């Protein structure tokens, strides 16, 4: 069974976690586990209290297959060498590492964006949050999630393509179905 760990900081963004967690669990049978900085429950921006299975630096997290870092303002200024090391090792092991919105800061600080096409909430914003991060030249201005190898990044305004691209890496055989998923949500914005 595929195991995905969602890293939720205080004030995690509901709309960024919802599509990816629901898609992976409901439609692709992925076991979802939740990690928080201390292992205590964390409340979302919208007031949803998420129970934690683990703390961010729990060694058991190295057994996961997918690492989902969900946006929160708490990623700004966040420093934890153990977590950054875990992400680097996961990437080196060929696992999926994905960050959306403010969580892209952690990917930048961990060095995972070096030599990778990536996006975030803005090129200048990411450079300000992770000064001197390796790979800044690979930044792509995109309203959609960006995939390079097994790294997925997205702005906070792209939760549907973030979900689709993460899921596409987990279940490549479902690519056509995932195109339909994105198109379904895009219809809301196609009418004017």
N, C-alpha and C. Protein backbone atom coordinates (compact mmCIF):
# COMPACT_ATOMS: atom_id res chain seq x y z
N UNK A 1 0.84 -1.18 0.00
CA UNK A 1 0.00 0.00 0.00
C UNK A 1 0.88 1.24 0.00
N UNK A 2 0.48 2.23 -0.78
CA UNK A 2 1.18 3.50 -0.81
C UNK A 2 0.80 4.31 0.43
N UNK A 3 1.81 4.92 1.04
CA UNK A 3 1.59 5.75 2.23
C UNK A 3 2.02 7.17 1.92
N UNK A 4 1.12 8.13 2.17
CA UNK A 4 1.44 9.54 2.00
C UNK A 4 1.37 10.23 3.35
N UNK A 5 2.36 11.04 3.63
CA UNK A 5 2.37 11.82 4.87
C UNK A 5 2.13 13.27 4.52
N UNK A 6 1.11 13.86 5.13
CA UNK A 6 0.83 15.28 4.96
C UNK A 6 1.44 16.03 6.15
N UNK A 7 2.31 16.97 5.84
CA UNK A 7 2.94 17.80 6.85
C UNK A 7 2.07 19.04 7.03
N UNK A 8 1.45 19.17 8.21
CA UNK A 8 0.54 20.27 8.49
C UNK A 8 1.10 21.16 9.59
N UNK A 9 1.34 22.40 9.25
CA UNK A 9 1.78 23.40 10.20
C UNK A 9 0.55 24.05 10.83
N UNK A 10 0.71 24.81 11.93
CA UNK A 10 -0.42 25.59 12.44
C UNK A 10 -0.93 26.51 11.33
N UNK A 11 -2.24 26.61 11.19
CA UNK A 11 -2.82 27.45 10.16
C UNK A 11 -2.68 26.87 8.75
N UNK A 12 -2.66 25.55 8.65
CA UNK A 12 -2.54 24.92 7.33
C UNK A 12 -3.75 25.29 6.48
N UNK A 13 -3.53 25.33 5.17
CA UNK A 13 -4.56 25.79 4.24
C UNK A 13 -5.48 24.65 3.83
N UNK A 14 -6.71 24.73 4.27
CA UNK A 14 -7.72 23.69 4.01
C UNK A 14 -7.84 23.37 2.52
N UNK A 15 -7.92 24.42 1.68
CA UNK A 15 -8.16 24.24 0.25
C UNK A 15 -6.98 23.61 -0.47
N UNK A 16 -5.80 23.64 0.15
CA UNK A 16 -4.63 23.01 -0.46
C UNK A 16 -4.54 21.53 -0.09
N UNK A 17 -4.97 21.20 1.11
CA UNK A 17 -4.91 19.80 1.57
C UNK A 17 -6.08 18.98 1.03
N UNK A 18 -7.26 19.58 1.00
CA UNK A 18 -8.47 18.84 0.66
C UNK A 18 -8.42 18.07 -0.65
N UNK A 19 -8.14 18.72 -1.78
CA UNK A 19 -8.17 17.99 -3.05
C UNK A 19 -7.17 16.84 -3.12
N UNK A 20 -5.94 17.07 -2.68
CA UNK A 20 -4.92 16.03 -2.83
C UNK A 20 -5.17 14.87 -1.87
N UNK A 21 -5.53 15.16 -0.63
CA UNK A 21 -5.76 14.07 0.33
C UNK A 21 -6.98 13.25 -0.06
N UNK A 22 -8.05 13.93 -0.46
CA UNK A 22 -9.27 13.21 -0.84
C UNK A 22 -9.04 12.35 -2.08
N UNK A 23 -8.38 12.90 -3.08
CA UNK A 23 -8.13 12.14 -4.31
C UNK A 23 -7.29 10.90 -4.04
N UNK A 24 -6.19 11.09 -3.34
CA UNK A 24 -5.30 9.96 -3.06
C UNK A 24 -6.00 8.86 -2.26
N UNK A 25 -6.71 9.26 -1.23
CA UNK A 25 -7.33 8.28 -0.33
C UNK A 25 -8.55 7.61 -0.97
N UNK A 26 -9.48 8.43 -1.46
CA UNK A 26 -10.76 7.90 -1.94
C UNK A 26 -10.64 7.13 -3.25
N UNK A 27 -9.87 7.67 -4.18
CA UNK A 27 -9.86 7.09 -5.52
C UNK A 27 -8.67 6.19 -5.81
N UNK A 28 -7.61 6.29 -5.01
CA UNK A 28 -6.41 5.52 -5.31
C UNK A 28 -5.91 4.69 -4.13
N UNK A 29 -6.68 4.64 -3.04
CA UNK A 29 -6.38 3.75 -1.93
C UNK A 29 -5.11 4.05 -1.18
N UNK A 30 -4.64 5.30 -1.24
CA UNK A 30 -3.42 5.69 -0.54
C UNK A 30 -3.74 5.89 0.94
N UNK A 31 -2.91 5.35 1.78
CA UNK A 31 -3.06 5.55 3.23
C UNK A 31 -2.50 6.92 3.58
N UNK A 32 -3.32 7.77 4.18
CA UNK A 32 -2.91 9.12 4.54
C UNK A 32 -2.55 9.16 6.02
N UNK A 33 -1.39 9.70 6.29
CA UNK A 33 -0.94 9.91 7.67
C UNK A 33 -0.62 11.38 7.83
N UNK A 34 -0.82 11.90 9.02
CA UNK A 34 -0.64 13.32 9.29
C UNK A 34 0.53 13.52 10.24
N UNK A 35 1.40 14.46 9.88
CA UNK A 35 2.51 14.86 10.75
C UNK A 35 2.36 16.35 11.04
N UNK A 36 2.61 16.72 12.27
CA UNK A 36 2.61 18.12 12.69
C UNK A 36 3.94 18.38 13.39
N UNK A 37 4.29 19.64 13.57
CA UNK A 37 5.61 19.93 14.15
C UNK A 37 5.88 19.20 15.47
N UNK A 38 4.87 19.13 16.35
CA UNK A 38 5.08 18.53 17.68
C UNK A 38 4.35 17.21 17.87
N UNK A 39 3.56 16.82 16.87
CA UNK A 39 2.73 15.62 17.04
C UNK A 39 1.39 15.92 17.68
N UNK A 40 1.15 17.18 17.98
CA UNK A 40 -0.14 17.60 18.54
C UNK A 40 -1.07 17.96 17.38
N UNK A 41 -2.39 17.95 17.62
CA UNK A 41 -3.32 18.38 16.58
C UNK A 41 -3.03 19.83 16.15
N UNK A 42 -3.30 20.12 14.89
CA UNK A 42 -3.13 21.48 14.38
C UNK A 42 -4.42 21.94 13.72
N UNK A 43 -4.73 23.21 13.88
CA UNK A 43 -5.94 23.80 13.33
C UNK A 43 -5.64 24.52 12.02
N UNK A 44 -6.53 24.31 11.05
CA UNK A 44 -6.38 24.94 9.74
C UNK A 44 -6.83 26.40 9.79
N UNK A 45 -6.61 27.10 8.69
CA UNK A 45 -7.08 28.47 8.56
C UNK A 45 -8.59 28.52 8.77
N UNK A 46 -9.29 27.51 8.26
CA UNK A 46 -10.75 27.46 8.36
C UNK A 46 -11.28 26.88 9.66
N UNK A 47 -10.40 26.52 10.60
CA UNK A 47 -10.84 26.03 11.89
C UNK A 47 -10.97 24.52 12.00
N UNK A 48 -10.49 23.77 11.00
CA UNK A 48 -10.54 22.31 11.05
C UNK A 48 -9.36 21.80 11.88
N UNK A 49 -9.66 21.03 12.90
CA UNK A 49 -8.62 20.46 13.76
C UNK A 49 -8.22 19.10 13.22
N UNK A 50 -6.97 18.97 12.83
CA UNK A 50 -6.46 17.70 12.30
C UNK A 50 -5.64 17.00 13.37
N UNK A 51 -6.03 15.76 13.67
CA UNK A 51 -5.26 14.94 14.61
C UNK A 51 -3.98 14.50 13.93
N UNK A 52 -2.92 14.39 14.70
CA UNK A 52 -1.62 14.00 14.15
C UNK A 52 -1.32 12.55 14.47
N UNK A 53 -0.69 11.89 13.51
CA UNK A 53 -0.17 10.54 13.73
C UNK A 53 1.28 10.60 14.21
N UNK A 54 2.00 11.64 13.77
CA UNK A 54 3.44 11.75 14.04
C UNK A 54 3.82 13.21 14.21
N UNK A 55 5.02 13.41 14.73
CA UNK A 55 5.64 14.74 14.71
C UNK A 55 6.55 14.80 13.48
N UNK A 56 6.88 16.00 13.03
CA UNK A 56 7.65 16.17 11.81
C UNK A 56 8.95 15.37 11.78
N UNK A 57 9.61 15.28 12.91
CA UNK A 57 10.93 14.63 12.92
C UNK A 57 10.89 13.17 13.39
N UNK A 58 9.73 12.55 13.35
CA UNK A 58 9.61 11.15 13.75
C UNK A 58 10.33 10.26 12.73
N UNK A 59 11.26 9.43 13.16
CA UNK A 59 12.02 8.59 12.23
C UNK A 59 11.16 7.65 11.38
N UNK A 60 9.98 7.26 11.85
CA UNK A 60 9.13 6.35 11.10
C UNK A 60 8.66 6.96 9.77
N UNK A 61 8.72 8.28 9.66
CA UNK A 61 8.27 8.93 8.43
C UNK A 61 9.13 8.57 7.22
N UNK A 62 10.32 8.06 7.47
CA UNK A 62 11.17 7.66 6.34
C UNK A 62 10.58 6.47 5.58
N UNK A 63 9.59 5.80 6.14
CA UNK A 63 8.95 4.66 5.47
C UNK A 63 7.87 5.09 4.48
N UNK A 64 7.49 6.36 4.45
CA UNK A 64 6.43 6.83 3.56
C UNK A 64 6.90 6.81 2.10
N UNK A 65 5.93 6.87 1.19
CA UNK A 65 6.21 6.89 -0.24
C UNK A 65 6.02 8.27 -0.85
N UNK A 66 5.16 9.08 -0.21
CA UNK A 66 4.81 10.40 -0.71
C UNK A 66 4.87 11.38 0.46
N UNK A 67 5.48 12.54 0.22
CA UNK A 67 5.61 13.58 1.23
C UNK A 67 4.89 14.82 0.71
N UNK A 68 3.82 15.21 1.39
CA UNK A 68 2.98 16.33 0.99
C UNK A 68 3.13 17.45 2.00
N UNK A 69 3.71 18.54 1.61
CA UNK A 69 3.87 19.68 2.50
C UNK A 69 2.81 20.70 2.11
N UNK A 70 1.90 20.96 3.03
CA UNK A 70 0.75 21.82 2.80
C UNK A 70 1.06 23.24 3.29
N UNK A 71 0.62 24.22 2.53
CA UNK A 71 0.93 25.61 2.83
C UNK A 71 0.41 26.11 4.16
N UNK A 72 1.16 27.05 4.70
CA UNK A 72 0.85 27.73 5.95
C UNK A 72 1.85 28.86 6.11
N UNK A 73 1.44 29.94 6.73
CA UNK A 73 2.39 31.01 7.01
C UNK A 73 3.49 30.55 7.96
N UNK A 74 3.25 29.46 8.69
CA UNK A 74 4.23 28.95 9.65
C UNK A 74 5.50 28.44 8.97
N UNK A 75 5.45 28.18 7.65
CA UNK A 75 6.66 27.74 6.95
C UNK A 75 7.66 28.89 6.82
N UNK A 76 7.17 30.12 6.88
CA UNK A 76 8.06 31.28 6.82
C UNK A 76 8.91 31.30 8.08
N UNK A 77 10.18 31.30 7.92
CA UNK A 77 11.09 31.29 9.06
C UNK A 77 11.31 29.91 9.68
N UNK A 78 10.65 28.89 9.15
CA UNK A 78 10.78 27.53 9.71
C UNK A 78 12.16 26.97 9.38
N UNK A 79 12.82 26.44 10.39
CA UNK A 79 14.14 25.81 10.23
C UNK A 79 14.14 24.52 11.03
N UNK A 80 14.45 23.41 10.37
CA UNK A 80 14.57 22.14 11.07
C UNK A 80 15.42 21.22 10.21
N UNK A 81 16.68 21.09 10.56
CA UNK A 81 17.60 20.29 9.75
C UNK A 81 17.17 18.83 9.64
N UNK A 82 16.53 18.29 10.67
CA UNK A 82 16.07 16.90 10.62
C UNK A 82 15.00 16.73 9.55
N UNK A 83 14.06 17.67 9.49
CA UNK A 83 12.99 17.61 8.48
C UNK A 83 13.57 17.80 7.09
N UNK A 84 14.45 18.79 6.94
CA UNK A 84 15.06 19.03 5.63
C UNK A 84 15.88 17.81 5.19
N UNK A 85 16.56 17.18 6.13
CA UNK A 85 17.31 15.96 5.82
C UNK A 85 16.39 14.82 5.40
N UNK A 86 15.25 14.68 6.08
CA UNK A 86 14.27 13.66 5.72
C UNK A 86 13.79 13.87 4.29
N UNK A 87 13.50 15.12 3.92
CA UNK A 87 13.03 15.42 2.57
C UNK A 87 14.12 15.14 1.53
N UNK A 88 15.35 15.51 1.84
CA UNK A 88 16.46 15.22 0.92
C UNK A 88 16.63 13.72 0.72
N UNK A 89 16.54 12.96 1.79
CA UNK A 89 16.69 11.50 1.69
C UNK A 89 15.53 10.90 0.90
N UNK A 90 14.33 11.37 1.16
CA UNK A 90 13.16 10.87 0.42
C UNK A 90 13.35 11.11 -1.07
N UNK A 91 13.80 12.30 -1.43
CA UNK A 91 14.04 12.61 -2.84
C UNK A 91 15.15 11.72 -3.41
N UNK A 92 16.23 11.55 -2.66
CA UNK A 92 17.33 10.70 -3.11
C UNK A 92 16.87 9.26 -3.31
N UNK A 93 15.89 8.84 -2.53
CA UNK A 93 15.35 7.47 -2.63
C UNK A 93 14.29 7.34 -3.73
N UNK A 94 14.05 8.42 -4.47
CA UNK A 94 13.09 8.37 -5.56
C UNK A 94 11.64 8.49 -5.15
N UNK A 95 11.40 9.00 -3.95
CA UNK A 95 10.03 9.16 -3.48
C UNK A 95 9.47 10.50 -3.96
N UNK A 96 8.17 10.64 -3.90
CA UNK A 96 7.50 11.86 -4.32
C UNK A 96 7.56 12.87 -3.18
N UNK A 97 8.02 14.09 -3.49
CA UNK A 97 8.04 15.17 -2.52
C UNK A 97 7.31 16.35 -3.16
N UNK A 98 6.27 16.83 -2.50
CA UNK A 98 5.43 17.87 -3.08
C UNK A 98 5.17 18.97 -2.06
N UNK A 99 5.28 20.21 -2.52
CA UNK A 99 5.01 21.35 -1.66
C UNK A 99 4.15 22.37 -2.38
N UNK A 100 3.20 22.91 -1.67
CA UNK A 100 2.29 23.92 -2.22
C UNK A 100 2.34 25.17 -1.36
N UNK A 101 2.27 26.32 -2.03
CA UNK A 101 2.18 27.60 -1.35
C UNK A 101 3.40 27.80 -0.45
N UNK A 102 3.19 28.18 0.79
CA UNK A 102 4.29 28.44 1.71
C UNK A 102 5.19 27.25 1.97
N UNK A 103 4.70 26.05 1.74
CA UNK A 103 5.51 24.85 1.97
C UNK A 103 6.64 24.71 0.94
N UNK A 104 6.54 25.45 -0.18
CA UNK A 104 7.65 25.42 -1.14
C UNK A 104 8.92 26.00 -0.52
N UNK A 105 8.76 26.81 0.51
CA UNK A 105 9.91 27.35 1.23
C UNK A 105 10.75 26.21 1.79
N UNK A 106 10.10 25.23 2.39
CA UNK A 106 10.82 24.09 2.97
C UNK A 106 11.57 23.32 1.89
N UNK A 107 10.96 23.14 0.72
CA UNK A 107 11.65 22.45 -0.37
C UNK A 107 12.87 23.23 -0.81
N UNK A 108 12.73 24.56 -0.89
CA UNK A 108 13.87 25.40 -1.27
C UNK A 108 14.98 25.31 -0.23
N UNK A 109 14.62 25.43 1.05
CA UNK A 109 15.62 25.38 2.11
C UNK A 109 16.29 24.02 2.22
N UNK A 110 15.57 22.96 1.84
CA UNK A 110 16.14 21.61 1.88
C UNK A 110 17.05 21.35 0.68
N UNK A 111 17.06 22.27 -0.29
CA UNK A 111 17.91 22.11 -1.46
C UNK A 111 17.30 21.27 -2.56
N UNK A 112 16.00 20.98 -2.47
CA UNK A 112 15.37 20.08 -3.43
C UNK A 112 15.04 20.75 -4.77
N UNK A 113 15.15 22.06 -4.84
CA UNK A 113 14.79 22.76 -6.07
C UNK A 113 16.00 23.03 -6.96
N UNK A 114 17.18 22.66 -6.50
CA UNK A 114 18.39 22.84 -7.30
C UNK A 114 18.29 22.03 -8.58
N UNK A 115 18.42 22.70 -9.71
CA UNK A 115 18.37 22.02 -11.00
C UNK A 115 16.98 21.57 -11.39
N UNK A 116 15.95 22.05 -10.72
CA UNK A 116 14.57 21.61 -10.98
C UNK A 116 13.70 22.79 -11.41
N UNK A 117 12.84 22.55 -12.37
CA UNK A 117 11.79 23.51 -12.67
C UNK A 117 10.83 23.48 -11.50
N UNK A 118 10.40 24.64 -11.05
CA UNK A 118 9.51 24.72 -9.89
C UNK A 118 8.75 26.03 -9.89
N UNK A 119 7.73 26.10 -9.07
CA UNK A 119 6.96 27.32 -8.92
C UNK A 119 6.60 27.50 -7.45
N UNK A 120 5.95 28.61 -7.17
CA UNK A 120 5.54 28.92 -5.80
C UNK A 120 4.56 30.10 -5.88
N UNK A 121 4.52 30.90 -4.84
CA UNK A 121 3.64 32.05 -4.80
C UNK A 121 4.22 33.28 -5.47
N UNK A 122 5.34 33.14 -6.14
CA UNK A 122 6.02 34.23 -6.84
C UNK A 122 7.51 34.07 -6.70
N UNK A 123 8.22 34.38 -7.76
CA UNK A 123 9.68 34.22 -7.76
C UNK A 123 10.34 35.06 -6.67
N UNK A 124 9.98 36.35 -6.61
CA UNK A 124 10.59 37.23 -5.60
C UNK A 124 10.21 36.81 -4.19
N UNK A 125 8.95 36.38 -4.02
CA UNK A 125 8.49 35.95 -2.70
C UNK A 125 9.30 34.76 -2.21
N UNK A 126 9.49 33.75 -3.07
CA UNK A 126 10.23 32.56 -2.65
C UNK A 126 11.69 32.91 -2.35
N UNK A 127 12.28 33.76 -3.19
CA UNK A 127 13.67 34.17 -2.97
C UNK A 127 13.82 34.94 -1.65
N UNK A 128 12.79 35.70 -1.28
CA UNK A 128 12.82 36.44 -0.02
C UNK A 128 12.69 35.49 1.17
N UNK A 129 11.87 34.46 1.03
CA UNK A 129 11.64 33.51 2.13
C UNK A 129 12.79 32.52 2.30
N UNK A 130 13.47 32.20 1.21
CA UNK A 130 14.59 31.25 1.24
C UNK A 130 15.78 31.89 0.52
N UNK A 131 16.37 32.92 1.13
CA UNK A 131 17.43 33.68 0.46
C UNK A 131 18.57 32.78 -0.03
N UNK A 132 18.94 33.00 -1.29
CA UNK A 132 20.06 32.26 -1.86
C UNK A 132 19.79 30.80 -2.13
N UNK A 133 18.52 30.39 -2.18
CA UNK A 133 18.26 28.97 -2.39
C UNK A 133 18.80 28.50 -3.74
N UNK A 134 19.32 27.30 -3.75
CA UNK A 134 19.88 26.72 -4.96
C UNK A 134 18.75 26.37 -5.92
N UNK A 135 18.86 26.82 -7.15
CA UNK A 135 17.86 26.48 -8.15
C UNK A 135 16.94 27.61 -8.52
N UNK A 136 17.15 28.81 -7.99
CA UNK A 136 16.26 29.93 -8.27
C UNK A 136 16.11 30.18 -9.76
N UNK A 137 17.14 29.85 -10.53
CA UNK A 137 17.07 30.06 -11.99
C UNK A 137 16.06 29.12 -12.65
N UNK A 138 15.61 28.09 -11.96
CA UNK A 138 14.63 27.16 -12.50
C UNK A 138 13.19 27.54 -12.20
N UNK A 139 12.99 28.72 -11.60
CA UNK A 139 11.63 29.14 -11.24
C UNK A 139 10.80 29.35 -12.50
N UNK A 140 9.56 28.86 -12.47
CA UNK A 140 8.62 28.97 -13.58
C UNK A 140 7.39 29.74 -13.09
N UNK A 141 7.06 30.84 -13.77
CA UNK A 141 5.81 31.55 -13.46
C UNK A 141 4.69 30.71 -14.06
N UNK A 142 3.87 30.11 -13.22
CA UNK A 142 2.83 29.22 -13.71
C UNK A 142 1.61 29.25 -12.79
N UNK A 143 0.41 29.33 -13.37
CA UNK A 143 -0.79 29.25 -12.55
C UNK A 143 -1.12 27.81 -12.16
N UNK A 144 -0.39 26.85 -12.73
CA UNK A 144 -0.61 25.42 -12.48
C UNK A 144 0.58 24.84 -11.73
N UNK A 145 0.40 23.67 -11.16
CA UNK A 145 1.50 22.95 -10.52
C UNK A 145 2.59 22.65 -11.54
N UNK A 146 3.81 22.59 -11.08
CA UNK A 146 4.96 22.26 -11.91
C UNK A 146 5.58 20.97 -11.39
N UNK A 147 5.87 20.06 -12.30
CA UNK A 147 6.47 18.78 -11.95
C UNK A 147 7.83 18.68 -12.61
N UNK A 148 8.83 18.28 -11.85
CA UNK A 148 10.14 17.99 -12.41
C UNK A 148 10.63 16.73 -11.70
N UNK A 149 10.65 15.64 -12.43
CA UNK A 149 10.99 14.36 -11.82
C UNK A 149 9.89 13.99 -10.84
N UNK A 150 10.29 13.80 -9.58
CA UNK A 150 9.31 13.42 -8.56
C UNK A 150 9.12 14.55 -7.54
N UNK A 151 9.41 15.78 -7.99
CA UNK A 151 9.18 16.98 -7.19
C UNK A 151 7.99 17.72 -7.80
N UNK A 152 7.01 18.04 -6.97
CA UNK A 152 5.84 18.80 -7.42
C UNK A 152 5.77 20.08 -6.58
N UNK A 153 5.60 21.21 -7.26
CA UNK A 153 5.43 22.48 -6.56
C UNK A 153 4.22 23.20 -7.14
N UNK A 154 3.62 24.06 -6.32
CA UNK A 154 2.46 24.82 -6.78
C UNK A 154 2.27 26.05 -5.91
N UNK A 155 1.67 27.06 -6.52
CA UNK A 155 1.22 28.23 -5.75
C UNK A 155 -0.02 27.82 -4.96
N UNK A 156 -0.36 28.58 -3.96
CA UNK A 156 -1.55 28.29 -3.17
C UNK A 156 -2.84 28.38 -3.97
N UNK A 157 -2.78 29.02 -5.11
CA UNK A 157 -3.95 29.16 -5.97
C UNK A 157 -4.12 27.99 -6.94
N UNK A 158 -3.32 26.94 -6.78
CA UNK A 158 -3.36 25.81 -7.72
C UNK A 158 -3.57 24.46 -7.03
N UNK A 159 -4.55 24.35 -6.11
CA UNK A 159 -4.69 23.08 -5.39
C UNK A 159 -5.18 21.93 -6.27
N UNK A 160 -5.92 22.22 -7.32
CA UNK A 160 -6.44 21.14 -8.17
C UNK A 160 -5.34 20.54 -9.03
N UNK A 161 -4.52 21.38 -9.67
CA UNK A 161 -3.44 20.81 -10.48
C UNK A 161 -2.37 20.20 -9.57
N UNK A 162 -2.18 20.75 -8.37
CA UNK A 162 -1.27 20.13 -7.40
C UNK A 162 -1.75 18.71 -7.11
N UNK A 163 -3.03 18.57 -6.79
CA UNK A 163 -3.61 17.26 -6.52
C UNK A 163 -3.44 16.32 -7.71
N UNK A 164 -3.77 16.82 -8.90
CA UNK A 164 -3.70 15.98 -10.10
C UNK A 164 -2.27 15.52 -10.38
N UNK A 165 -1.30 16.42 -10.25
CA UNK A 165 0.09 16.04 -10.58
C UNK A 165 0.68 15.09 -9.55
N UNK A 166 0.37 15.29 -8.28
CA UNK A 166 0.82 14.34 -7.27
C UNK A 166 0.20 12.97 -7.55
N UNK A 167 -1.10 12.96 -7.79
CA UNK A 167 -1.81 11.71 -8.05
C UNK A 167 -1.30 11.03 -9.32
N UNK A 168 -0.97 11.82 -10.33
CA UNK A 168 -0.43 11.28 -11.59
C UNK A 168 0.90 10.54 -11.34
N UNK A 169 1.70 11.03 -10.41
CA UNK A 169 2.96 10.34 -10.07
C UNK A 169 2.68 9.04 -9.32
N UNK A 170 1.65 9.05 -8.47
CA UNK A 170 1.28 7.85 -7.72
C UNK A 170 0.64 6.82 -8.64
N UNK A 171 -0.22 7.28 -9.55
CA UNK A 171 -0.99 6.37 -10.42
C UNK A 171 -0.91 6.84 -11.87
N UNK A 172 0.23 6.64 -12.53
CA UNK A 172 0.39 7.15 -13.90
C UNK A 172 -0.63 6.58 -14.88
N UNK A 173 -1.17 5.42 -14.58
CA UNK A 173 -2.17 4.82 -15.46
C UNK A 173 -3.49 5.60 -15.46
N UNK A 174 -3.65 6.51 -14.53
CA UNK A 174 -4.89 7.27 -14.42
C UNK A 174 -4.78 8.65 -15.04
N UNK A 175 -3.80 8.87 -15.89
CA UNK A 175 -3.54 10.19 -16.44
C UNK A 175 -4.75 10.80 -17.14
N UNK A 176 -5.43 10.02 -17.97
CA UNK A 176 -6.60 10.55 -18.69
C UNK A 176 -7.71 10.92 -17.71
N UNK A 177 -7.92 10.10 -16.73
CA UNK A 177 -8.93 10.37 -15.69
C UNK A 177 -8.59 11.66 -14.94
N UNK A 178 -7.30 11.87 -14.67
CA UNK A 178 -6.87 13.07 -13.95
C UNK A 178 -7.02 14.31 -14.82
N UNK A 179 -6.84 14.17 -16.13
CA UNK A 179 -7.10 15.30 -17.03
C UNK A 179 -8.57 15.72 -16.92
N UNK A 180 -9.46 14.74 -16.83
CA UNK A 180 -10.89 15.02 -16.66
C UNK A 180 -11.17 15.70 -15.33
N UNK A 181 -10.47 15.29 -14.30
CA UNK A 181 -10.60 15.89 -12.96
C UNK A 181 -10.27 17.38 -13.01
N UNK A 182 -9.14 17.72 -13.64
CA UNK A 182 -8.74 19.12 -13.76
C UNK A 182 -9.76 19.88 -14.60
N UNK A 183 -10.20 19.30 -15.71
CA UNK A 183 -11.18 19.95 -16.58
C UNK A 183 -12.50 20.21 -15.85
N UNK A 184 -12.90 19.28 -15.00
CA UNK A 184 -14.14 19.44 -14.24
C UNK A 184 -14.07 20.70 -13.37
N UNK A 185 -12.97 20.90 -12.66
CA UNK A 185 -12.83 22.07 -11.81
C UNK A 185 -12.65 23.33 -12.63
N UNK A 186 -12.00 23.23 -13.78
CA UNK A 186 -11.75 24.41 -14.62
C UNK A 186 -13.05 25.00 -15.16
N UNK A 187 -14.08 24.18 -15.29
CA UNK A 187 -15.36 24.67 -15.81
C UNK A 187 -15.91 25.82 -14.97
N UNK A 188 -15.64 25.80 -13.69
CA UNK A 188 -16.13 26.88 -12.83
C UNK A 188 -15.61 28.24 -13.30
N UNK A 189 -14.41 28.27 -13.81
CA UNK A 189 -13.78 29.54 -14.22
C UNK A 189 -13.95 29.82 -15.71
N UNK A 190 -14.48 28.87 -16.45
CA UNK A 190 -14.65 29.04 -17.88
C UNK A 190 -15.89 29.83 -18.24
N UNK A 191 -16.81 29.93 -17.31
CA UNK A 191 -18.04 30.70 -17.58
C UNK A 191 -17.86 32.12 -17.10
N UNK A 192 -18.24 33.06 -17.90
CA UNK A 192 -17.99 34.43 -17.50
C UNK A 192 -19.12 35.29 -17.73
